C-alpha atoms as a PDB file:
ATOM      1  CA  VAL A   1      97.196  68.131  86.107  1.00  0.00           C
ATOM      2  CA  ASN A   2      98.519  69.161  82.706  1.00  0.00           C
ATOM      3  CA  GLU A   3      95.277  70.629  81.489  1.00  0.00           C
ATOM      4  CA  LEU A   4      93.763  72.201  84.623  1.00  0.00           C
ATOM      5  CA  LYS A   5      97.098  72.972  86.326  1.00  0.00           C
ATOM      6  CA  VAL A   6      95.892  71.562  89.630  1.00  0.00           C
ATOM      7  CA  LYS A   7      98.355  72.400  92.382  1.00  0.00           C
ATOM      8  CA  THR A   8      96.684  70.782  95.404  1.00  0.00           C
ATOM      9  CA  GLU A   9      94.797  67.577  95.970  1.00  0.00           C
ATOM     10  CA  LEU A  10      92.667  67.825  99.107  1.00  0.00           C
ATOM     11  CA  ASP A  11      91.589  64.335 100.077  1.00  0.00           C
ATOM     12  CA  LEU A  12      88.683  64.354 102.510  1.00  0.00           C
ATOM     13  CA  ARG A  13      88.683  60.609 103.170  1.00  0.00           C
ATOM     14  CA  ALA A  14      89.880  59.016 106.397  1.00  0.00           C
ATOM     15  CA  GLU A  15      93.427  57.694 106.184  1.00  0.00           C
ATOM     16  CA  SER A  16      92.028  54.156 106.404  1.00  0.00           C
ATOM     17  CA  GLU A  17      90.168  54.806 103.112  1.00  0.00           C
ATOM     18  CA  THR A  18      93.000  56.274 101.118  1.00  0.00           C
ATOM     19  CA  GLY A  19      95.123  53.189 100.533  1.00  0.00           C
ATOM     20  CA  GLU A  20      97.934  53.792  98.084  1.00  0.00           C
ATOM     21  CA  ARG A  21      97.627  56.826  95.904  1.00  0.00           C
ATOM     22  CA  PRO A  22      99.753  57.898  92.987  1.00  0.00           C
ATOM     23  CA  ILE A  23     102.343  60.489  93.850  1.00  0.00           C
ATOM     24  CA  ILE A  24     102.493  63.161  91.138  1.00  0.00           C
ATOM     25  CA  ASP A  25     105.443  65.530  91.174  1.00  0.00           C
ATOM     26  CA  GLY A  26     104.411  69.104  91.743  1.00  0.00           C
ATOM     27  CA  ILE A  27     101.100  68.291  93.449  1.00  0.00           C
ATOM     28  CA  ASN A  28     100.583  69.269  97.068  1.00  0.00           C
ATOM     29  CA  TYR A  29      98.718  66.359  98.695  1.00  0.00           C
ATOM     30  CA  ILE A  30      96.698  67.164 101.820  1.00  0.00           C
ATOM     31  CA  ASN A  31      94.607  64.563 103.652  1.00  0.00           C
ATOM     32  CA  VAL A  32      92.111  65.702 106.283  1.00  0.00           C
ATOM     33  CA  SER A  33      89.310  63.367 107.262  1.00  0.00           C
ATOM     34  CA  CYS A  34      86.150  65.374 106.885  1.00  0.00           C
ATOM     35  CA  PRO A  35      82.879  65.104 108.798  1.00  0.00           C
ATOM     36  CA  GLN A  36      79.664  65.381 106.835  1.00  0.00           C
ATOM     37  CA  TYR A  37      76.367  67.163 107.074  1.00  0.00           C
ATOM     38  CA  ALA A  38      74.817  67.946 110.447  1.00  0.00           C
ATOM     39  CA  TYR A  39      74.372  64.475 111.919  1.00  0.00           C
ATOM     40  CA  SER A  40      74.412  64.266 115.717  1.00  0.00           C
ATOM     41  CA  GLY A  41      77.794  63.086 116.951  1.00  0.00           C
ATOM     42  CA  MET A  42      79.476  63.136 113.561  1.00  0.00           C
ATOM     43  CA  GLY A  43      78.432  66.275 111.775  1.00  0.00           C
ATOM     44  CA  ILE A  44      80.210  69.573 111.207  1.00  0.00           C
ATOM     45  CA  PHE A  45      78.477  71.175 114.175  1.00  0.00           C
ATOM     46  CA  GLU A  46      80.184  68.945 116.738  1.00  0.00           C
ATOM     47  CA  PHE A  47      82.335  71.289 118.814  1.00  0.00           C
ATOM     48  CA  ASP A  48      84.160  69.194 121.412  1.00  0.00           C
ATOM     49  CA  GLY A  49      87.161  71.480 121.349  1.00  0.00           C
ATOM     50  CA  GLY A  50      89.603  68.642 120.837  1.00  0.00           C
ATOM     51  CA  GLU A  51      92.363  68.501 118.257  1.00  0.00           C
ATOM     52  CA  HIS A  52      90.456  65.768 116.399  1.00  0.00           C
ATOM     53  CA  SER A  53      87.007  67.329 116.698  1.00  0.00           C
ATOM     54  CA  ASN A  54      84.782  67.641 113.653  1.00  0.00           C
ATOM     55  CA  ALA A  55      84.889  71.423 113.823  1.00  0.00           C
ATOM     56  CA  ASN A  56      88.689  71.355 113.955  1.00  0.00           C
ATOM     57  CA  ALA A  57      88.785  69.140 110.864  1.00  0.00           C
ATOM     58  CA  VAL A  58      86.541  71.612 109.011  1.00  0.00           C
ATOM     59  CA  LYS A  59      88.830  74.464 110.139  1.00  0.00           C
ATOM     60  CA  ASN A  60      91.871  72.630 108.727  1.00  0.00           C
ATOM     61  CA  ILE A  61      90.055  71.967 105.446  1.00  0.00           C
ATOM     62  CA  ILE A  62      88.727  75.508 104.989  1.00  0.00           C
ATOM     63  CA  SER A  63      92.178  76.902 105.769  1.00  0.00           C
ATOM     64  CA  VAL A  64      93.494  75.193 102.636  1.00  0.00           C
ATOM     65  CA  PHE A  65      91.109  77.343 100.571  1.00  0.00           C
ATOM     66  CA  ALA A  66      92.398  80.548 102.193  1.00  0.00           C
ATOM     67  CA  ASN A  67      95.871  80.046 100.729  1.00  0.00           C
ATOM     68  CA  GLU A  68      95.967  81.268  97.132  1.00  0.00           C
ATOM     69  CA  GLN A  69      99.164  79.252  96.518  1.00  0.00           C
ATOM     70  CA  ASN A  70      97.056  76.058  96.764  1.00  0.00           C
ATOM     71  CA  TYR A  71      94.923  76.906  93.690  1.00  0.00           C
ATOM     72  CA  PRO A  72      93.651  75.261  91.630  1.00  0.00           C
ATOM     73  CA  ILE A  73      92.451  72.744  94.245  1.00  0.00           C
ATOM     74  CA  ASN A  74      90.955  69.361  93.482  1.00  0.00           C
ATOM     75  CA  PHE A  75      89.022  68.276  96.558  1.00  0.00           C
ATOM     76  CA  HIS A  76      87.248  64.946  96.892  1.00  0.00           C
ATOM     77  CA  CYS A  77      86.142  62.124  99.138  1.00  0.00           C
ATOM     78  CA  ALA A  78      85.216  58.580  98.096  1.00  0.00           C
ATOM     79  CA  ILE A  79      82.202  59.377  95.943  1.00  0.00           C
ATOM     80  CA  GLY A  80      82.180  63.161  95.863  1.00  0.00           C
ATOM     81  CA  ARG A  81      78.830  63.759  97.504  1.00  0.00           C
ATOM     82  CA  ASP A  82      78.703  63.672 101.286  1.00  0.00           C
ATOM     83  CA  ARG A  83      82.012  65.038 102.602  1.00  0.00           C
ATOM     84  CA  THR A  84      82.836  66.883  99.362  1.00  0.00           C
ATOM     85  CA  GLY A  85      79.261  68.209  99.234  1.00  0.00           C
ATOM     86  CA  THR A  86      79.512  69.482 102.804  1.00  0.00           C
ATOM     87  CA  ILE A  87      82.657  71.477 102.062  1.00  0.00           C
ATOM     88  CA  ALA A  88      81.277  72.721  98.720  1.00  0.00           C
ATOM     89  CA  PHE A  89      78.164  73.824 100.572  1.00  0.00           C
ATOM     90  CA  LEU A  90      80.176  75.754 103.177  1.00  0.00           C
ATOM     91  CA  LEU A  91      82.254  77.491 100.508  1.00  0.00           C
ATOM     92  CA  GLY A  92      79.205  78.228  98.312  1.00  0.00           C
ATOM     93  CA  ALA A  93      77.149  79.528 101.245  1.00  0.00           C
ATOM     94  CA  LEU A  94      80.030  81.704 102.395  1.00  0.00           C
ATOM     95  CA  CYS A  95      80.366  83.149  98.908  1.00  0.00           C
ATOM     96  CA  GLY A  96      76.643  84.037  98.769  1.00  0.00           C
ATOM     97  CA  MET A  97      75.244  81.270  96.554  1.00  0.00           C
ATOM     98  CA  SER A  98      71.476  80.969  96.812  1.00  0.00           C
ATOM     99  CA  GLU A  99      69.876  78.052  98.621  1.00  0.00           C
ATOM    100  CA  GLU A 100      68.366  76.955  95.304  1.00  0.00           C
ATOM    101  CA  ASP A 101      71.757  76.890  93.606  1.00  0.00           C
ATOM    102  CA  LEU A 102      73.385  75.086  96.532  1.00  0.00           C
ATOM    103  CA  CYS A 103      70.660  72.414  96.370  1.00  0.00           C
ATOM    104  CA  ARG A 104      71.027  72.108  92.600  1.00  0.00           C
ATOM    105  CA  GLU A 105      74.812  71.647  92.925  1.00  0.00           C
ATOM    106  CA  TYR A 106      74.350  68.960  95.563  1.00  0.00           C
ATOM    107  CA  ASP A 107      71.703  67.140  93.497  1.00  0.00           C
ATOM    108  CA  ILE A 108      74.040  67.046  90.498  1.00  0.00           C
ATOM    109  CA  SER A 109      76.305  64.745  92.532  1.00  0.00           C
ATOM    110  CA  PHE A 110      73.769  61.927  92.082  1.00  0.00           C
ATOM    111  CA  PHE A 111      74.124  61.810  88.308  1.00  0.00           C
ATOM    112  CA  ALA A 112      76.955  59.282  88.546  1.00  0.00           C
ATOM    113  CA  GLY A 113      74.711  56.814  90.468  1.00  0.00           C
ATOM    114  CA  LEU A 114      77.805  55.240  92.037  1.00  0.00           C
ATOM    115  CA  ASP A 115      76.374  53.901  95.272  1.00  0.00           C
ATOM    116  CA  GLY A 116      72.699  53.364  94.550  1.00  0.00           C
ATOM    117  CA  SER A 117      71.595  55.974  97.131  1.00  0.00           C
ATOM    118  CA  ASN A 118      68.140  57.396  96.715  1.00  0.00           C
ATOM    119  CA  PRO A 119      68.670  61.030  95.684  1.00  0.00           C
ATOM    120  CA  TYR A 120      65.378  62.221  97.242  1.00  0.00           C
ATOM    121  CA  ARG A 121      66.126  60.494 100.564  1.00  0.00           C
ATOM    122  CA  MET A 122      69.698  61.778 100.736  1.00  0.00           C
ATOM    123  CA  HIS A 123      68.568  65.284  99.871  1.00  0.00           C
ATOM    124  CA  THR A 124      65.864  65.319 102.557  1.00  0.00           C
ATOM    125  CA  VAL A 125      67.586  63.401 105.377  1.00  0.00           C
ATOM    126  CA  ALA A 126      71.128  64.687 104.902  1.00  0.00           C
ATOM    127  CA  PHE A 127      71.482  67.867 102.867  1.00  0.00           C
ATOM    128  CA  LEU A 128      68.374  69.818 103.850  1.00  0.00           C
ATOM    129  CA  PRO A 129      69.070  69.394 107.584  1.00  0.00           C
ATOM    130  CA  LEU A 130      72.541  70.851 106.963  1.00  0.00           C
ATOM    131  CA  ILE A 131      71.052  73.854 105.165  1.00  0.00           C
ATOM    132  CA  ASN A 132      68.387  74.364 107.799  1.00  0.00           C
ATOM    133  CA  LYS A 133      70.861  74.131 110.694  1.00  0.00           C
ATOM    134  CA  MET A 134      73.173  76.631 108.976  1.00  0.00           C
ATOM    135  CA  LYS A 135      70.307  79.026 108.227  1.00  0.00           C
ATOM    136  CA  ALA A 136      69.478  79.087 111.951  1.00  0.00           C
ATOM    137  CA  TYR A 137      73.068  78.902 113.179  1.00  0.00           C
ATOM    138  CA  LYS A 138      73.487  82.367 114.731  1.00  0.00           C
ATOM    139  CA  ASP A 139      70.597  84.469 113.505  1.00  0.00           C
ATOM    140  CA  GLU A 140      67.769  82.975 111.442  1.00  0.00           C
ATOM    141  CA  THR A 141      66.789  86.489 110.308  1.00  0.00           C
ATOM    142  CA  LYS A 142      70.139  86.846 108.513  1.00  0.00           C
ATOM    143  CA  SER A 143      71.340  85.306 105.270  1.00  0.00           C
ATOM    144  CA  LEU A 144      72.800  81.878 104.776  1.00  0.00           C
ATOM    145  CA  ALA A 145      76.128  83.597 103.917  1.00  0.00           C
ATOM    146  CA  TYR A 146      76.040  85.484 107.223  1.00  0.00           C
ATOM    147  CA  ASN A 147      75.464  82.284 109.237  1.00  0.00           C
ATOM    148  CA  ALA A 148      78.104  80.329 107.292  1.00  0.00           C
ATOM    149  CA  LYS A 149      80.581  83.118 108.062  1.00  0.00           C
ATOM    150  CA  GLN A 150      79.658  83.055 111.764  1.00  0.00           C
ATOM    151  CA  TYR A 151      80.113  79.257 111.834  1.00  0.00           C
ATOM    152  CA  LEU A 152      83.554  79.555 110.242  1.00  0.00           C
ATOM    153  CA  LEU A 153      84.571  82.321 112.644  1.00  0.00           C
ATOM    154  CA  ASP A 154      83.374  80.186 115.583  1.00  0.00           C
ATOM    155  CA  ILE A 155      85.543  77.232 114.538  1.00  0.00           C
ATOM    156  CA  GLY A 156      88.627  79.432 114.257  1.00  0.00           C
ATOM    157  CA  ILE A 157      88.751  80.625 110.687  1.00  0.00           C
ATOM    158  CA  THR A 158      89.868  84.265 110.755  1.00  0.00           C
ATOM    159  CA  GLN A 159      88.156  87.177 109.032  1.00  0.00           C
ATOM    160  CA  GLY A 160      91.295  87.550 106.916  1.00  0.00           C
ATOM    161  CA  GLN A 161      91.012  83.946 105.726  1.00  0.00           C
ATOM    162  CA  ILE A 162      87.320  84.444 104.948  1.00  0.00           C
ATOM    163  CA  ASP A 163      88.123  87.577 102.961  1.00  0.00           C
ATOM    164  CA  ARG A 164      90.840  85.735 101.004  1.00  0.00           C
ATOM    165  CA  ILE A 165      88.510  82.802 100.211  1.00  0.00           C
ATOM    166  CA  ILE A 166      85.808  85.150  98.942  1.00  0.00           C
ATOM    167  CA  ASP A 167      88.364  87.167  96.907  1.00  0.00           C
ATOM    168  CA  ILE A 168      89.656  83.972  95.312  1.00  0.00           C
ATOM    169  CA  LEU A 169      86.305  82.283  94.643  1.00  0.00           C
ATOM    170  CA  VAL A 170      83.976  85.144  93.795  1.00  0.00           C
ATOM    171  CA  GLU A 171      84.333  86.878  90.455  1.00  0.00           C
ATOM    172  CA  GLU A 172      82.709  90.196  89.721  1.00  0.00           C
ATOM    173  CA  VAL A 173      80.290  90.024  86.826  1.00  0.00           C
END
């Protein structure tokens, strides 16, 4: 907090996982239980329209990133791979990161070796299906960024919010 000047902690765990957490003055704490990947019945592509649907949770999470007052944001789940990786993927894809870079970023999350998961298995059974479903979301002839944008628009993120996220996260080089 002192060094990075974090203003917002975005906790992607379910409330049942959070337990007690330290309260730090000046930090905005937001808890939204996040779905992960593209699994049937529990993934980010589950649109049941309800207030507690997976797509609605993703909308609430992504909306945090559209508010410049929230930055810098520390977002996490229990290990920092599945739920955190799904949101990092959405943001990276929206901002035009290449598929290769998105995969590399996801694979880095295995360096900690916290849960003994097989990196190759997780990459092929969890992360690649997410990428492939997003690449084919609206128009498989278009870019990953295009399809990520269409997904976010479909779940209720506005074009203005998308523009703000890209303005905040993408730096001209």
